[in-house]
Amino acid sequence: MNISNYIESGIIERYLLGLASPEQEDELLYLRRIYPLLDLEFTAAELRIENKLMEEGPLPPVKIKEAVLQRIKLEKEPKERYWSGYNPYEHTNSHHHTYIPIDSFWNRRITVSIWWRCAFIALAVTAMALAASTWHFCHRSQMLEEILFELKVPSVNQPASLPAK
C-alpha cells in the first residue's frame, strides 16, 4: 500500500470531520497502528482544520464572552478567598452564634451553626455508646444462657450419682 497516496486521498480529514464511513474509520484506525507516519499526519491535519476554523469561523457574540469570564471569576473567587487570609470561622450573623460557611456545588453560600456540629458529634458518640453497650449485654446474655443450660442439663463428663439402696 502506498501510504502517501492514502494520506492525499483526504481520508484523515473526512474522519476528523465525521464524514468517513464506518469501514473507512476502521481501516484508518488499523493503519494508524501499523504506520507511525499516519499519526503524524493525523496531528497535522487536526492543526490544519483547527487553524482554518479559527481564521474563517464566525466570532462568538460578546455576551457569551462576558458570561464565560463572569463564570470563571465566580469559580476562582472562593479559592482566592481562602488563599487571601479569609477565615471561615470569623463569619458571624449575631454576637452569640458562630456559623461555618459551606460553599456548595451551585456557588450558593450555606451557613451552619457551630452548635449543630456539636449536636451531631454528641449524637454520634451516643450512638457508638449504645452500640457498645448492646454488644456487651448481648455477650453477657449469651454467657448466662450457657450457664443456665449447663445447670439444667448435666454434662456427660460428670459422674452420675449412684441410686440410693
C-alpha atoms as a PDB file:
ATOM      1  CA  MET A   1       0.000   0.000   0.000  1.00  0.00           C
ATOM      2  CA  ASN A   2       1.266   3.440  -0.909  1.00  0.00           C
ATOM      3  CA  ILE A   3       0.807   5.412   2.295  1.00  0.00           C
ATOM      4  CA  SER A   4       1.372   8.831   0.713  1.00  0.00           C
ATOM      5  CA  ASN A   5      -1.483   8.228  -1.782  1.00  0.00           C
ATOM      6  CA  TYR A   6      -3.663   7.133   1.132  1.00  0.00           C
ATOM      7  CA  ILE A   7      -2.881  10.357   3.028  1.00  0.00           C
ATOM      8  CA  GLU A   8      -3.512  12.505  -0.069  1.00  0.00           C
ATOM      9  CA  SER A   9      -6.902  10.869  -0.610  1.00  0.00           C
ATOM     10  CA  GLY A  10      -8.300  13.019   2.223  1.00  0.00           C
ATOM     11  CA  ILE A  11      -9.448  10.137   4.390  1.00  0.00           C
ATOM     12  CA  ILE A  12      -7.913  11.672   7.511  1.00  0.00           C
ATOM     13  CA  GLU A  13      -9.762  14.957   7.004  1.00  0.00           C
ATOM     14  CA  ARG A  14     -13.030  13.102   6.324  1.00  0.00           C
ATOM     15  CA  TYR A  15     -12.504  11.099   9.512  1.00  0.00           C
ATOM     16  CA  LEU A  16     -11.811  14.223  11.584  1.00  0.00           C
ATOM     17  CA  LEU A  17     -14.897  15.974  10.195  1.00  0.00           C
ATOM     18  CA  GLY A  18     -17.063  12.919  10.848  1.00  0.00           C
ATOM     19  CA  LEU A  19     -17.715  12.257   7.154  1.00  0.00           C
ATOM     20  CA  ALA A  20     -15.961   8.874   6.846  1.00  0.00           C
ATOM     21  CA  SER A  21     -17.944   5.651   6.634  1.00  0.00           C
ATOM     22  CA  PRO A  22     -17.566   3.084   9.436  1.00  0.00           C
ATOM     23  CA  GLU A  23     -15.455   0.877   7.147  1.00  0.00           C
ATOM     24  CA  GLN A  24     -13.129   3.784   6.357  1.00  0.00           C
ATOM     25  CA  GLU A  25     -12.862   4.623  10.075  1.00  0.00           C
ATOM     26  CA  ASP A  26     -11.949   1.038  10.954  1.00  0.00           C
ATOM     27  CA  GLU A  27      -9.386   0.912   8.148  1.00  0.00           C
ATOM     28  CA  LEU A  28      -7.804   4.204   9.240  1.00  0.00           C
ATOM     29  CA  LEU A  29      -7.565   3.130  12.883  1.00  0.00           C
ATOM     30  CA  TYR A  30      -5.995  -0.178  11.812  1.00  0.00           C
ATOM     31  CA  LEU A  31      -3.453   1.530   9.549  1.00  0.00           C
ATOM     32  CA  ARG A  32      -2.560   4.063  12.256  1.00  0.00           C
ATOM     33  CA  ARG A  33      -1.287   1.199  14.384  1.00  0.00           C
ATOM     34  CA  ILE A  34       0.855  -0.089  11.544  1.00  0.00           C
ATOM     35  CA  TYR A  35       2.196   3.167  10.058  1.00  0.00           C
ATOM     36  CA  PRO A  36       3.537   5.795  12.530  1.00  0.00           C
ATOM     37  CA  LEU A  37       3.539   8.336   9.681  1.00  0.00           C
ATOM     38  CA  LEU A  38      -0.265   8.319   9.815  1.00  0.00           C
ATOM     39  CA  ASP A  39      -0.165   9.515  13.435  1.00  0.00           C
ATOM     40  CA  LEU A  40       1.996  12.473  12.440  1.00  0.00           C
ATOM     41  CA  GLU A  41      -0.286  13.307   9.537  1.00  0.00           C
ATOM     42  CA  PHE A  42      -3.313  12.891  11.796  1.00  0.00           C
ATOM     43  CA  THR A  43      -1.941  15.546  14.201  1.00  0.00           C
ATOM     44  CA  ALA A  44      -1.014  17.846  11.321  1.00  0.00           C
ATOM     45  CA  ALA A  45      -4.499  17.516   9.809  1.00  0.00           C
ATOM     46  CA  GLU A  46      -6.094  18.354  13.163  1.00  0.00           C
ATOM     47  CA  LEU A  47      -3.979  21.514  13.371  1.00  0.00           C
ATOM     48  CA  ARG A  48      -4.803  22.481   9.768  1.00  0.00           C
ATOM     49  CA  ILE A  49      -8.531  22.108  10.364  1.00  0.00           C
ATOM     50  CA  GLU A  50      -8.340  23.993  13.671  1.00  0.00           C
ATOM     51  CA  ASN A  51      -6.374  26.876  12.122  1.00  0.00           C
ATOM     52  CA  LYS A  52      -8.786  27.075   9.180  1.00  0.00           C
ATOM     53  CA  LEU A  53     -11.761  27.223  11.535  1.00  0.00           C
ATOM     54  CA  MET A  54     -10.105  29.903  13.668  1.00  0.00           C
ATOM     55  CA  GLU A  55      -9.334  32.024  10.592  1.00  0.00           C
ATOM     56  CA  GLU A  56     -12.656  31.718   8.826  1.00  0.00           C
ATOM     57  CA  GLY A  57     -15.072  30.901  11.641  1.00  0.00           C
ATOM     58  CA  PRO A  58     -17.501  33.500  12.966  1.00  0.00           C
ATOM     59  CA  LEU A  59     -16.667  35.199  16.228  1.00  0.00           C
ATOM     60  CA  PRO A  60     -18.933  34.408  19.173  1.00  0.00           C
ATOM     61  CA  PRO A  61     -21.210  37.166  20.466  1.00  0.00           C
ATOM     62  CA  VAL A  62     -19.730  39.499  23.077  1.00  0.00           C
ATOM     63  CA  LYS A  63     -22.399  38.457  25.589  1.00  0.00           C
ATOM     64  CA  ILE A  64     -21.075  34.894  25.557  1.00  0.00           C
ATOM     65  CA  LYS A  65     -17.547  36.101  26.246  1.00  0.00           C
ATOM     66  CA  GLU A  66     -18.787  38.198  29.170  1.00  0.00           C
ATOM     67  CA  ALA A  67     -20.805  35.276  30.561  1.00  0.00           C
ATOM     68  CA  VAL A  68     -17.815  32.928  30.346  1.00  0.00           C
ATOM     69  CA  LEU A  69     -15.490  35.439  32.005  1.00  0.00           C
ATOM     70  CA  GLN A  70     -18.044  36.075  34.760  1.00  0.00           C
ATOM     71  CA  ARG A  71     -18.371  32.352  35.406  1.00  0.00           C
ATOM     72  CA  ILE A  72     -14.589  31.958  35.565  1.00  0.00           C
ATOM     73  CA  LYS A  73     -14.422  34.849  38.008  1.00  0.00           C
ATOM     74  CA  LEU A  74     -17.086  33.242  40.226  1.00  0.00           C
ATOM     75  CA  GLU A  75     -15.283  29.891  40.160  1.00  0.00           C
ATOM     76  CA  LYS A  76     -11.976  31.481  41.163  1.00  0.00           C
ATOM     77  CA  GLU A  77     -13.498  33.686  43.863  1.00  0.00           C
ATOM     78  CA  PRO A  78     -13.900  31.069  46.643  1.00  0.00           C
ATOM     79  CA  LYS A  79     -10.341  29.808  46.105  1.00  0.00           C
ATOM     80  CA  GLU A  80      -8.930  33.311  46.216  1.00  0.00           C
ATOM     81  CA  ARG A  81     -10.943  34.000  49.364  1.00  0.00           C
ATOM     82  CA  TYR A  82      -9.365  31.042  51.180  1.00  0.00           C
ATOM     83  CA  TRP A  83      -5.860  31.833  49.991  1.00  0.00           C
ATOM     84  CA  SER A  84      -6.072  35.526  50.812  1.00  0.00           C
ATOM     85  CA  GLY A  85      -6.345  35.037  54.554  1.00  0.00           C
ATOM     86  CA  TYR A  86     -10.128  34.511  54.708  1.00  0.00           C
ATOM     87  CA  ASN A  87     -11.070  32.691  57.880  1.00  0.00           C
ATOM     88  CA  PRO A  88     -14.461  30.949  57.588  1.00  0.00           C
ATOM     89  CA  TYR A  89     -14.811  30.757  61.363  1.00  0.00           C
ATOM     90  CA  GLU A  90     -14.835  34.548  61.681  1.00  0.00           C
ATOM     91  CA  HIS A  91     -18.172  34.818  59.858  1.00  0.00           C
ATOM     92  CA  THR A  92     -20.891  35.675  62.379  1.00  0.00           C
ATOM     93  CA  ASN A  93     -24.515  36.639  61.916  1.00  0.00           C
ATOM     94  CA  SER A  94     -25.054  37.730  65.509  1.00  0.00           C
ATOM     95  CA  HIS A  95     -22.994  38.296  68.608  1.00  0.00           C
ATOM     96  CA  HIS A  96     -23.884  34.981  70.252  1.00  0.00           C
ATOM     97  CA  HIS A  97     -23.763  32.483  67.382  1.00  0.00           C
ATOM     98  CA  THR A  98     -20.846  31.307  65.280  1.00  0.00           C
ATOM     99  CA  TYR A  99     -21.559  29.971  61.799  1.00  0.00           C
ATOM    100  CA  ILE A 100     -19.394  27.896  59.472  1.00  0.00           C
ATOM    101  CA  PRO A 101     -19.788  28.793  55.766  1.00  0.00           C
ATOM    102  CA  ILE A 102     -20.140  25.906  53.327  1.00  0.00           C
ATOM    103  CA  ASP A 103     -19.627  26.555  49.609  1.00  0.00           C
ATOM    104  CA  SER A 104     -21.958  24.313  47.667  1.00  0.00           C
ATOM    105  CA  PHE A 105     -21.731  22.976  44.134  1.00  0.00           C
ATOM    106  CA  TRP A 106     -24.034  25.685  42.768  1.00  0.00           C
ATOM    107  CA  ASN A 107     -21.993  28.588  44.231  1.00  0.00           C
ATOM    108  CA  ARG A 108     -24.589  29.309  46.888  1.00  0.00           C
ATOM    109  CA  ARG A 109     -23.446  30.102  50.371  1.00  0.00           C
ATOM    110  CA  ILE A 110     -24.887  27.962  53.148  1.00  0.00           C
ATOM    111  CA  THR A 111     -24.156  28.626  56.800  1.00  0.00           C
ATOM    112  CA  VAL A 112     -24.498  26.054  59.561  1.00  0.00           C
ATOM    113  CA  SER A 113     -24.453  26.889  63.246  1.00  0.00           C
ATOM    114  CA  ILE A 114     -21.486  25.525  65.185  1.00  0.00           C
ATOM    115  CA  TRP A 115     -23.979  24.107  67.715  1.00  0.00           C
ATOM    116  CA  TRP A 116     -25.431  21.777  65.090  1.00  0.00           C
ATOM    117  CA  ARG A 117     -21.943  20.405  64.590  1.00  0.00           C
ATOM    118  CA  CYS A 118     -21.609  19.814  68.344  1.00  0.00           C
ATOM    119  CA  ALA A 119     -25.053  18.178  68.428  1.00  0.00           C
ATOM    120  CA  PHE A 120     -24.068  15.859  65.573  1.00  0.00           C
ATOM    121  CA  ILE A 121     -20.861  14.836  67.358  1.00  0.00           C
ATOM    122  CA  ALA A 122     -22.803  14.181  70.577  1.00  0.00           C
ATOM    123  CA  LEU A 123     -25.321  12.096  68.643  1.00  0.00           C
ATOM    124  CA  ALA A 124     -22.521  10.062  67.043  1.00  0.00           C
ATOM    125  CA  VAL A 125     -20.874   9.419  70.422  1.00  0.00           C
ATOM    126  CA  THR A 126     -24.232   8.391  71.917  1.00  0.00           C
ATOM    127  CA  ALA A 127     -24.882   6.003  69.019  1.00  0.00           C
ATOM    128  CA  MET A 128     -21.444   4.401  69.463  1.00  0.00           C
ATOM    129  CA  ALA A 129     -22.028   4.054  73.226  1.00  0.00           C
ATOM    130  CA  LEU A 130     -25.402   2.388  72.605  1.00  0.00           C
ATOM    131  CA  ALA A 131     -23.842   0.013  70.098  1.00  0.00           C
ATOM    132  CA  ALA A 132     -21.067  -0.917  72.560  1.00  0.00           C
ATOM    133  CA  SER A 133     -23.485  -1.461  75.441  1.00  0.00           C
ATOM    134  CA  THR A 134     -25.790  -3.546  73.231  1.00  0.00           C
ATOM    135  CA  TRP A 135     -22.870  -5.762  72.237  1.00  0.00           C
ATOM    136  CA  HIS A 136     -21.759  -6.082  75.893  1.00  0.00           C
ATOM    137  CA  PHE A 137     -25.219  -7.038  77.158  1.00  0.00           C
ATOM    138  CA  CYS A 138     -25.774  -9.443  74.271  1.00  0.00           C
ATOM    139  CA  HIS A 139     -22.473 -11.151  75.083  1.00  0.00           C
ATOM    140  CA  ARG A 140     -23.382 -11.345  78.792  1.00  0.00           C
ATOM    141  CA  SER A 141     -26.812 -12.731  77.938  1.00  0.00           C
ATOM    142  CA  GLN A 142     -25.249 -15.495  75.853  1.00  0.00           C
ATOM    143  CA  MET A 143     -22.902 -16.362  78.724  1.00  0.00           C
ATOM    144  CA  LEU A 144     -25.827 -16.560  81.177  1.00  0.00           C
ATOM    145  CA  GLU A 145     -27.806 -18.763  78.764  1.00  0.00           C
ATOM    146  CA  GLU A 146     -24.850 -21.143  78.547  1.00  0.00           C
ATOM    147  CA  ILE A 147     -24.572 -21.290  82.350  1.00  0.00           C
ATOM    148  CA  LEU A 148     -28.320 -21.931  82.743  1.00  0.00           C
ATOM    149  CA  PHE A 149     -28.215 -24.614  80.070  1.00  0.00           C
ATOM    150  CA  GLU A 150     -25.326 -26.380  81.877  1.00  0.00           C
ATOM    151  CA  LEU A 151     -27.257 -26.238  85.149  1.00  0.00           C
ATOM    152  CA  LYS A 152     -30.409 -27.737  83.619  1.00  0.00           C
ATOM    153  CA  VAL A 153     -28.669 -30.428  81.546  1.00  0.00           C
ATOM    154  CA  PRO A 154     -25.924 -32.331  83.350  1.00  0.00           C
ATOM    155  CA  SER A 155     -22.699 -32.752  81.469  1.00  0.00           C
ATOM    156  CA  VAL A 156     -21.690 -36.110  80.037  1.00  0.00           C
ATOM    157  CA  ASN A 157     -18.298 -35.910  81.761  1.00  0.00           C
ATOM    158  CA  GLN A 158     -19.790 -35.587  85.274  1.00  0.00           C
ATOM    159  CA  PRO A 159     -20.203 -38.913  87.104  1.00  0.00           C
ATOM    160  CA  ALA A 160     -23.815 -39.904  87.610  1.00  0.00           C
ATOM    161  CA  SER A 161     -24.904 -40.213  91.206  1.00  0.00           C
ATOM    162  CA  LEU A 162     -25.459 -43.744  92.438  1.00  0.00           C
ATOM    163  CA  PRO A 163     -29.013 -44.736  93.139  1.00  0.00           C
ATOM    164  CA  ALA A 164     -29.925 -44.999  96.820  1.00  0.00           C
ATOM    165  CA  LYS A 165     -30.419 -48.526  98.358  1.00  0.00           C
END
